[in-house]
Amino acid sequence: CTLASAVAANLARGLALRAACTAA
């Protein structure tokens, strides 16, 4: 749950998908 939510939050903040997934 946390990983998927962190990806979503990072995408909403403007990160590209690969960066959003790594940060998550």
mmCIF file of all heavy atoms, coordinates in Angstrom:
data_MODEL
# 
_entry.id   MODEL 
# 
loop_
_atom_site.group_PDB 
_atom_site.id 
_atom_site.type_symbol 
_atom_site.label_atom_id 
_atom_site.label_alt_id 
_atom_site.label_comp_id 
_atom_site.label_asym_id 
_atom_site.label_entity_id 
_atom_site.label_seq_id 
_atom_site.pdbx_PDB_ins_code 
_atom_site.Cartn_x 
_atom_site.Cartn_y 
_atom_site.Cartn_z 
_atom_site.occupancy 
_atom_site.B_iso_or_equiv 
_atom_site.pdbx_formal_charge 
_atom_site.auth_seq_id 
_atom_site.auth_comp_id 
_atom_site.auth_asym_id 
_atom_site.auth_atom_id 
_atom_site.pdbx_PDB_model_num 
ATOM 1   N N   . CYS A 1 1  ? 0.838  -1.205 0.000   1.00 0.00 ? 1  CYS A N   1 
ATOM 2   C CA  . CYS A 1 1  ? 0.000  0.000  0.000   1.00 0.00 ? 1  CYS A CA  1 
ATOM 3   C C   . CYS A 1 1  ? 0.866  1.245  0.000   1.00 0.00 ? 1  CYS A C   1 
ATOM 4   O O   . CYS A 1 1  ? 0.635  2.203  -0.739  1.00 0.00 ? 1  CYS A O   1 
ATOM 5   C CB  . CYS A 1 1  ? -0.907 0.023  1.228   1.00 0.00 ? 1  CYS A CB  1 
ATOM 6   S SG  . CYS A 1 1  ? -1.918 -1.445 1.460   1.00 0.00 ? 1  CYS A SG  1 
ATOM 7   N N   . THR A 1 2  ? 1.900  1.216  0.842   1.00 0.00 ? 2  THR A N   1 
ATOM 8   C CA  . THR A 1 2  ? 2.765  2.379  0.991   1.00 0.00 ? 2  THR A CA  1 
ATOM 9   C C   . THR A 1 2  ? 3.556  2.653  -0.273  1.00 0.00 ? 2  THR A C   1 
ATOM 10  O O   . THR A 1 2  ? 3.683  3.819  -0.702  1.00 0.00 ? 2  THR A O   1 
ATOM 11  C CB  . THR A 1 2  ? 3.717  2.158  2.182   1.00 0.00 ? 2  THR A CB  1 
ATOM 12  O OG1 . THR A 1 2  ? 2.929  2.019  3.373   1.00 0.00 ? 2  THR A OG1 1 
ATOM 13  C CG2 . THR A 1 2  ? 4.681  3.308  2.342   1.00 0.00 ? 2  THR A CG2 1 
ATOM 14  N N   . LEU A 1 3  ? 4.094  1.620  -0.895  1.00 0.00 ? 3  LEU A N   1 
ATOM 15  C CA  . LEU A 1 3  ? 4.863  1.818  -2.125  1.00 0.00 ? 3  LEU A CA  1 
ATOM 16  C C   . LEU A 1 3  ? 3.994  2.453  -3.209  1.00 0.00 ? 3  LEU A C   1 
ATOM 17  O O   . LEU A 1 3  ? 4.393  3.442  -3.843  1.00 0.00 ? 3  LEU A O   1 
ATOM 18  C CB  . LEU A 1 3  ? 5.431  0.496  -2.620  1.00 0.00 ? 3  LEU A CB  1 
ATOM 19  C CG  . LEU A 1 3  ? 6.252  0.611  -3.914  1.00 0.00 ? 3  LEU A CG  1 
ATOM 20  C CD1 . LEU A 1 3  ? 7.567  1.320  -3.665  1.00 0.00 ? 3  LEU A CD1 1 
ATOM 21  C CD2 . LEU A 1 3  ? 6.502  -0.766 -4.526  1.00 0.00 ? 3  LEU A CD2 1 
ATOM 22  N N   . ALA A 1 4  ? 2.803  1.899  -3.436  1.00 0.00 ? 4  ALA A N   1 
ATOM 23  C CA  . ALA A 1 4  ? 1.928  2.435  -4.474  1.00 0.00 ? 4  ALA A CA  1 
ATOM 24  C C   . ALA A 1 4  ? 1.530  3.874  -4.167  1.00 0.00 ? 4  ALA A C   1 
ATOM 25  O O   . ALA A 1 4  ? 1.472  4.732  -5.065  1.00 0.00 ? 4  ALA A O   1 
ATOM 26  C CB  . ALA A 1 4  ? 0.684  1.558  -4.619  1.00 0.00 ? 4  ALA A CB  1 
ATOM 27  N N   . SER A 1 5  ? 1.262  4.173  -2.893  1.00 0.00 ? 5  SER A N   1 
ATOM 28  C CA  . SER A 1 5  ? 0.877  5.532  -2.514  1.00 0.00 ? 5  SER A CA  1 
ATOM 29  C C   . SER A 1 5  ? 2.041  6.504  -2.680  1.00 0.00 ? 5  SER A C   1 
ATOM 30  O O   . SER A 1 5  ? 1.849  7.661  -3.078  1.00 0.00 ? 5  SER A O   1 
ATOM 31  C CB  . SER A 1 5  ? 0.385  5.550  -1.068  1.00 0.00 ? 5  SER A CB  1 
ATOM 32  O OG  . SER A 1 5  ? -0.818 4.837  -0.958  1.00 0.00 ? 5  SER A OG  1 
ATOM 33  N N   . ALA A 1 6  ? 3.258  6.049  -2.371  1.00 0.00 ? 6  ALA A N   1 
ATOM 34  C CA  . ALA A 1 6  ? 4.422  6.903  -2.558  1.00 0.00 ? 6  ALA A CA  1 
ATOM 35  C C   . ALA A 1 6  ? 4.664  7.180  -4.041  1.00 0.00 ? 6  ALA A C   1 
ATOM 36  O O   . ALA A 1 6  ? 5.014  8.301  -4.425  1.00 0.00 ? 6  ALA A O   1 
ATOM 37  C CB  . ALA A 1 6  ? 5.652  6.256  -1.924  1.00 0.00 ? 6  ALA A CB  1 
ATOM 38  N N   . VAL A 1 7  ? 4.469  6.175  -4.891  1.00 0.00 ? 7  VAL A N   1 
ATOM 39  C CA  . VAL A 1 7  ? 4.582  6.399  -6.336  1.00 0.00 ? 7  VAL A CA  1 
ATOM 40  C C   . VAL A 1 7  ? 3.561  7.446  -6.778  1.00 0.00 ? 7  VAL A C   1 
ATOM 41  O O   . VAL A 1 7  ? 3.886  8.391  -7.513  1.00 0.00 ? 7  VAL A O   1 
ATOM 42  C CB  . VAL A 1 7  ? 4.393  5.090  -7.119  1.00 0.00 ? 7  VAL A CB  1 
ATOM 43  C CG1 . VAL A 1 7  ? 4.308  5.367  -8.622  1.00 0.00 ? 7  VAL A CG1 1 
ATOM 44  C CG2 . VAL A 1 7  ? 5.521  4.107  -6.831  1.00 0.00 ? 7  VAL A CG2 1 
ATOM 45  N N   . ALA A 1 8  ? 2.310  7.303  -6.327  1.00 0.00 ? 8  ALA A N   1 
ATOM 46  C CA  . ALA A 1 8  ? 1.259  8.247  -6.705  1.00 0.00 ? 8  ALA A CA  1 
ATOM 47  C C   . ALA A 1 8  ? 1.586  9.657  -6.228  1.00 0.00 ? 8  ALA A C   1 
ATOM 48  O O   . ALA A 1 8  ? 1.423  10.638 -6.971  1.00 0.00 ? 8  ALA A O   1 
ATOM 49  C CB  . ALA A 1 8  ? -0.081 7.792  -6.138  1.00 0.00 ? 8  ALA A CB  1 
ATOM 50  N N   . ALA A 1 9  ? 2.052  9.776  -4.982  1.00 0.00 ? 9  ALA A N   1 
ATOM 51  C CA  . ALA A 1 9  ? 2.396  11.094 -4.450  1.00 0.00 ? 9  ALA A CA  1 
ATOM 52  C C   . ALA A 1 9  ? 3.531  11.723 -5.249  1.00 0.00 ? 9  ALA A C   1 
ATOM 53  O O   . ALA A 1 9  ? 3.496  12.926 -5.567  1.00 0.00 ? 9  ALA A O   1 
ATOM 54  C CB  . ALA A 1 9  ? 2.779  10.980 -2.978  1.00 0.00 ? 9  ALA A CB  1 
ATOM 55  N N   . ASN A 1 10 ? 4.531  10.927 -5.587  1.00 0.00 ? 10 ASN A N   1 
ATOM 56  C CA  . ASN A 1 10 ? 5.657  11.454 -6.359  1.00 0.00 ? 10 ASN A CA  1 
ATOM 57  C C   . ASN A 1 10 ? 5.240  11.877 -7.760  1.00 0.00 ? 10 ASN A C   1 
ATOM 58  O O   . ASN A 1 10 ? 5.700  12.900 -8.277  1.00 0.00 ? 10 ASN A O   1 
ATOM 59  C CB  . ASN A 1 10 ? 6.771  10.409 -6.428  1.00 0.00 ? 10 ASN A CB  1 
ATOM 60  C CG  . ASN A 1 10 ? 7.511  10.268 -5.115  1.00 0.00 ? 10 ASN A CG  1 
ATOM 61  O OD1 . ASN A 1 10 ? 7.697  11.230 -4.395  1.00 0.00 ? 10 ASN A OD1 1 
ATOM 62  N ND2 . ASN A 1 10 ? 7.935  9.047  -4.797  1.00 0.00 ? 10 ASN A ND2 1 
ATOM 63  N N   . LEU A 1 11 ? 4.353  11.107 -8.394  1.00 0.00 ? 11 LEU A N   1 
ATOM 64  C CA  . LEU A 1 11 ? 3.846  11.496 -9.709  1.00 0.00 ? 11 LEU A CA  1 
ATOM 65  C C   . LEU A 1 11 ? 3.053  12.797 -9.614  1.00 0.00 ? 11 LEU A C   1 
ATOM 66  O O   . LEU A 1 11 ? 3.182  13.682 -10.468 1.00 0.00 ? 11 LEU A O   1 
ATOM 67  C CB  . LEU A 1 11 ? 2.972  10.380 -10.288 1.00 0.00 ? 11 LEU A CB  1 
ATOM 68  C CG  . LEU A 1 11 ? 3.699  9.101  -10.719 1.00 0.00 ? 11 LEU A CG  1 
ATOM 69  C CD1 . LEU A 1 11 ? 2.691  8.020  -11.083 1.00 0.00 ? 11 LEU A CD1 1 
ATOM 70  C CD2 . LEU A 1 11 ? 4.636  9.363  -11.893 1.00 0.00 ? 11 LEU A CD2 1 
ATOM 71  N N   . ALA A 1 12 ? 2.242  12.928 -8.569  1.00 0.00 ? 12 ALA A N   1 
ATOM 72  C CA  . ALA A 1 12 ? 1.444  14.144 -8.388  1.00 0.00 ? 12 ALA A CA  1 
ATOM 73  C C   . ALA A 1 12 ? 2.339  15.360 -8.154  1.00 0.00 ? 12 ALA A C   1 
ATOM 74  O O   . ALA A 1 12 ? 1.977  16.485 -8.517  1.00 0.00 ? 12 ALA A O   1 
ATOM 75  C CB  . ALA A 1 12 ? 0.476  13.964 -7.219  1.00 0.00 ? 12 ALA A CB  1 
ATOM 76  N N   . ARG A 1 13 ? 3.504  15.140 -7.554  1.00 0.00 ? 13 ARG A N   1 
ATOM 77  C CA  . ARG A 1 13 ? 4.452  16.229 -7.311  1.00 0.00 ? 13 ARG A CA  1 
ATOM 78  C C   . ARG A 1 13 ? 5.273  16.579 -8.547  1.00 0.00 ? 13 ARG A C   1 
ATOM 79  O O   . ARG A 1 13 ? 6.072  17.517 -8.524  1.00 0.00 ? 13 ARG A O   1 
ATOM 80  C CB  . ARG A 1 13 ? 5.393  15.844 -6.166  1.00 0.00 ? 13 ARG A CB  1 
ATOM 81  C CG  . ARG A 1 13 ? 4.698  15.716 -4.813  1.00 0.00 ? 13 ARG A CG  1 
ATOM 82  C CD  . ARG A 1 13 ? 5.595  15.049 -3.786  1.00 0.00 ? 13 ARG A CD  1 
ATOM 83  N NE  . ARG A 1 13 ? 6.794  15.823 -3.508  1.00 0.00 ? 13 ARG A NE  1 
ATOM 84  C CZ  . ARG A 1 13 ? 7.952  15.307 -3.077  1.00 0.00 ? 13 ARG A CZ  1 
ATOM 85  N NH1 . ARG A 1 13 ? 8.054  13.988 -2.915  1.00 0.00 ? 13 ARG A NH1 1 
ATOM 86  N NH2 . ARG A 1 13 ? 8.970  16.069 -2.830  1.00 0.00 ? 13 ARG A NH2 1 
ATOM 87  N N   . GLY A 1 14 ? 5.089  15.807 -9.627  1.00 0.00 ? 14 GLY A N   1 
ATOM 88  C CA  . GLY A 1 14 ? 5.742  16.153 -10.882 1.00 0.00 ? 14 GLY A CA  1 
ATOM 89  C C   . GLY A 1 14 ? 6.929  15.306 -11.270 1.00 0.00 ? 14 GLY A C   1 
ATOM 90  O O   . GLY A 1 14 ? 7.561  15.567 -12.297 1.00 0.00 ? 14 GLY A O   1 
ATOM 91  N N   . LEU A 1 15 ? 7.253  14.270 -10.478 1.00 0.00 ? 15 LEU A N   1 
ATOM 92  C CA  . LEU A 1 15 ? 8.372  13.408 -10.853 1.00 0.00 ? 15 LEU A CA  1 
ATOM 93  C C   . LEU A 1 15 ? 7.997  12.538 -12.046 1.00 0.00 ? 15 LEU A C   1 
ATOM 94  O O   . LEU A 1 15 ? 6.845  12.126 -12.196 1.00 0.00 ? 15 LEU A O   1 
ATOM 95  C CB  . LEU A 1 15 ? 8.781  12.502 -9.683  1.00 0.00 ? 15 LEU A CB  1 
ATOM 96  C CG  . LEU A 1 15 ? 9.818  13.055 -8.687  1.00 0.00 ? 15 LEU A CG  1 
ATOM 97  C CD1 . LEU A 1 15 ? 9.257  14.239 -7.915  1.00 0.00 ? 15 LEU A CD1 1 
ATOM 98  C CD2 . LEU A 1 15 ? 10.270 11.953 -7.737  1.00 0.00 ? 15 LEU A CD2 1 
ATOM 99  N N   . ALA A 1 16 ? 8.982  12.242 -12.878 1.00 0.00 ? 16 ALA A N   1 
ATOM 100 C CA  . ALA A 1 16 ? 8.789  11.271 -13.949 1.00 0.00 ? 16 ALA A CA  1 
ATOM 101 C C   . ALA A 1 16 ? 8.633  9.882  -13.339 1.00 0.00 ? 16 ALA A C   1 
ATOM 102 O O   . ALA A 1 16 ? 9.039  9.640  -12.199 1.00 0.00 ? 16 ALA A O   1 
ATOM 103 C CB  . ALA A 1 16 ? 9.971  11.301 -14.911 1.00 0.00 ? 16 ALA A CB  1 
ATOM 104 N N   . LEU A 1 17 ? 8.051  8.955  -14.106 1.00 0.00 ? 17 LEU A N   1 
ATOM 105 C CA  . LEU A 1 17 ? 7.704  7.647  -13.561 1.00 0.00 ? 17 LEU A CA  1 
ATOM 106 C C   . LEU A 1 17 ? 8.905  6.924  -12.964 1.00 0.00 ? 17 LEU A C   1 
ATOM 107 O O   . LEU A 1 17 ? 8.832  6.394  -11.852 1.00 0.00 ? 17 LEU A O   1 
ATOM 108 C CB  . LEU A 1 17 ? 7.047  6.774  -14.633 1.00 0.00 ? 17 LEU A CB  1 
ATOM 109 C CG  . LEU A 1 17 ? 6.677  5.352  -14.188 1.00 0.00 ? 17 LEU A CG  1 
ATOM 110 C CD1 . LEU A 1 17 ? 5.666  5.385  -13.042 1.00 0.00 ? 17 LEU A CD1 1 
ATOM 111 C CD2 . LEU A 1 17 ? 6.137  4.546  -15.363 1.00 0.00 ? 17 LEU A CD2 1 
ATOM 112 N N   . ARG A 1 18 ? 10.007 6.869  -13.664 1.00 0.00 ? 18 ARG A N   1 
ATOM 113 C CA  . ARG A 1 18 ? 11.159 6.118  -13.150 1.00 0.00 ? 18 ARG A CA  1 
ATOM 114 C C   . ARG A 1 18 ? 11.683 6.730  -11.851 1.00 0.00 ? 18 ARG A C   1 
ATOM 115 O O   . ARG A 1 18 ? 11.987 6.017  -10.896 1.00 0.00 ? 18 ARG A O   1 
ATOM 116 C CB  . ARG A 1 18 ? 12.250 6.040  -14.205 1.00 0.00 ? 18 ARG A CB  1 
ATOM 117 C CG  . ARG A 1 18 ? 11.870 5.116  -15.364 1.00 0.00 ? 18 ARG A CG  1 
ATOM 118 C CD  . ARG A 1 18 ? 13.044 4.748  -16.225 1.00 0.00 ? 18 ARG A CD  1 
ATOM 119 N NE  . ARG A 1 18 ? 12.692 3.639  -17.115 1.00 0.00 ? 18 ARG A NE  1 
ATOM 120 C CZ  . ARG A 1 18 ? 13.561 2.852  -17.712 1.00 0.00 ? 18 ARG A CZ  1 
ATOM 121 N NH1 . ARG A 1 18 ? 14.860 3.032  -17.515 1.00 0.00 ? 18 ARG A NH1 1 
ATOM 122 N NH2 . ARG A 1 18 ? 13.171 1.867  -18.497 1.00 0.00 ? 18 ARG A NH2 1 
ATOM 123 N N   . ALA A 1 19 ? 11.767 8.049  -11.810 1.00 0.00 ? 19 ALA A N   1 
ATOM 124 C CA  . ALA A 1 19 ? 12.216 8.716  -10.588 1.00 0.00 ? 19 ALA A CA  1 
ATOM 125 C C   . ALA A 1 19 ? 11.209 8.526  -9.462  1.00 0.00 ? 19 ALA A C   1 
ATOM 126 O O   . ALA A 1 19 ? 11.583 8.338  -8.300  1.00 0.00 ? 19 ALA A O   1 
ATOM 127 C CB  . ALA A 1 19 ? 12.443 10.206 -10.857 1.00 0.00 ? 19 ALA A CB  1 
ATOM 128 N N   . ALA A 1 20 ? 9.922  8.551  -9.797  1.00 0.00 ? 20 ALA A N   1 
ATOM 129 C CA  . ALA A 1 20 ? 8.875  8.365  -8.791  1.00 0.00 ? 20 ALA A CA  1 
ATOM 130 C C   . ALA A 1 20 ? 8.961  6.981  -8.166  1.00 0.00 ? 20 ALA A C   1 
ATOM 131 O O   . ALA A 1 20 ? 8.789  6.820  -6.943  1.00 0.00 ? 20 ALA A O   1 
ATOM 132 C CB  . ALA A 1 20 ? 7.495  8.576  -9.421  1.00 0.00 ? 20 ALA A CB  1 
ATOM 133 N N   . CYS A 1 21 ? 9.227  5.963  -8.975  1.00 0.00 ? 21 CYS A N   1 
ATOM 134 C CA  . CYS A 1 21 ? 9.308  4.590  -8.465  1.00 0.00 ? 21 CYS A CA  1 
ATOM 135 C C   . CYS A 1 21 ? 10.560 4.374  -7.623  1.00 0.00 ? 21 CYS A C   1 
ATOM 136 O O   . CYS A 1 21 ? 10.508 3.712  -6.576  1.00 0.00 ? 21 CYS A O   1 
ATOM 137 C CB  . CYS A 1 21 ? 9.274  3.604  -9.628  1.00 0.00 ? 21 CYS A CB  1 
ATOM 138 S SG  . CYS A 1 21 ? 7.670  3.520  -10.476 1.00 0.00 ? 21 CYS A SG  1 
ATOM 139 N N   . THR A 1 22 ? 11.677 4.935  -8.058  1.00 0.00 ? 22 THR A N   1 
ATOM 140 C CA  . THR A 1 22 ? 12.909 4.810  -7.279  1.00 0.00 ? 22 THR A CA  1 
ATOM 141 C C   . THR A 1 22 ? 12.764 5.491  -5.925  1.00 0.00 ? 22 THR A C   1 
ATOM 142 O O   . THR A 1 22 ? 13.120 4.925  -4.877  1.00 0.00 ? 22 THR A O   1 
ATOM 143 C CB  . THR A 1 22 ? 14.094 5.421  -8.043  1.00 0.00 ? 22 THR A CB  1 
ATOM 144 O OG1 . THR A 1 22 ? 14.278 4.714  -9.274  1.00 0.00 ? 22 THR A OG1 1 
ATOM 145 C CG2 . THR A 1 22 ? 15.377 5.347  -7.227  1.00 0.00 ? 22 THR A CG2 1 
ATOM 146 N N   . ALA A 1 23 ? 12.217 6.707  -5.921  1.00 0.00 ? 23 ALA A N   1 
ATOM 147 C CA  . ALA A 1 23 ? 12.029 7.439  -4.666  1.00 0.00 ? 23 ALA A CA  1 
ATOM 148 C C   . ALA A 1 23 ? 11.054 6.712  -3.745  1.00 0.00 ? 23 ALA A C   1 
ATOM 149 O O   . ALA A 1 23 ? 11.235 6.683  -2.525  1.00 0.00 ? 23 ALA A O   1 
ATOM 150 C CB  . ALA A 1 23 ? 11.531 8.858  -4.956  1.00 0.00 ? 23 ALA A CB  1 
ATOM 151 N N   . ALA A 1 24 ? 10.025 6.104  -4.323  1.00 0.00 ? 24 ALA A N   1 
ATOM 152 C CA  . ALA A 1 24 ? 9.041  5.371  -3.526  1.00 0.00 ? 24 ALA A CA  1 
ATOM 153 C C   . ALA A 1 24 ? 9.675  4.149  -2.866  1.00 0.00 ? 24 ALA A C   1 
ATOM 154 O O   . ALA A 1 24 ? 9.422  3.848  -1.697  1.00 0.00 ? 24 ALA A O   1 
ATOM 155 C CB  . ALA A 1 24 ? 7.860  4.955  -4.392  1.00 0.00 ? 24 ALA A CB  1 
# 
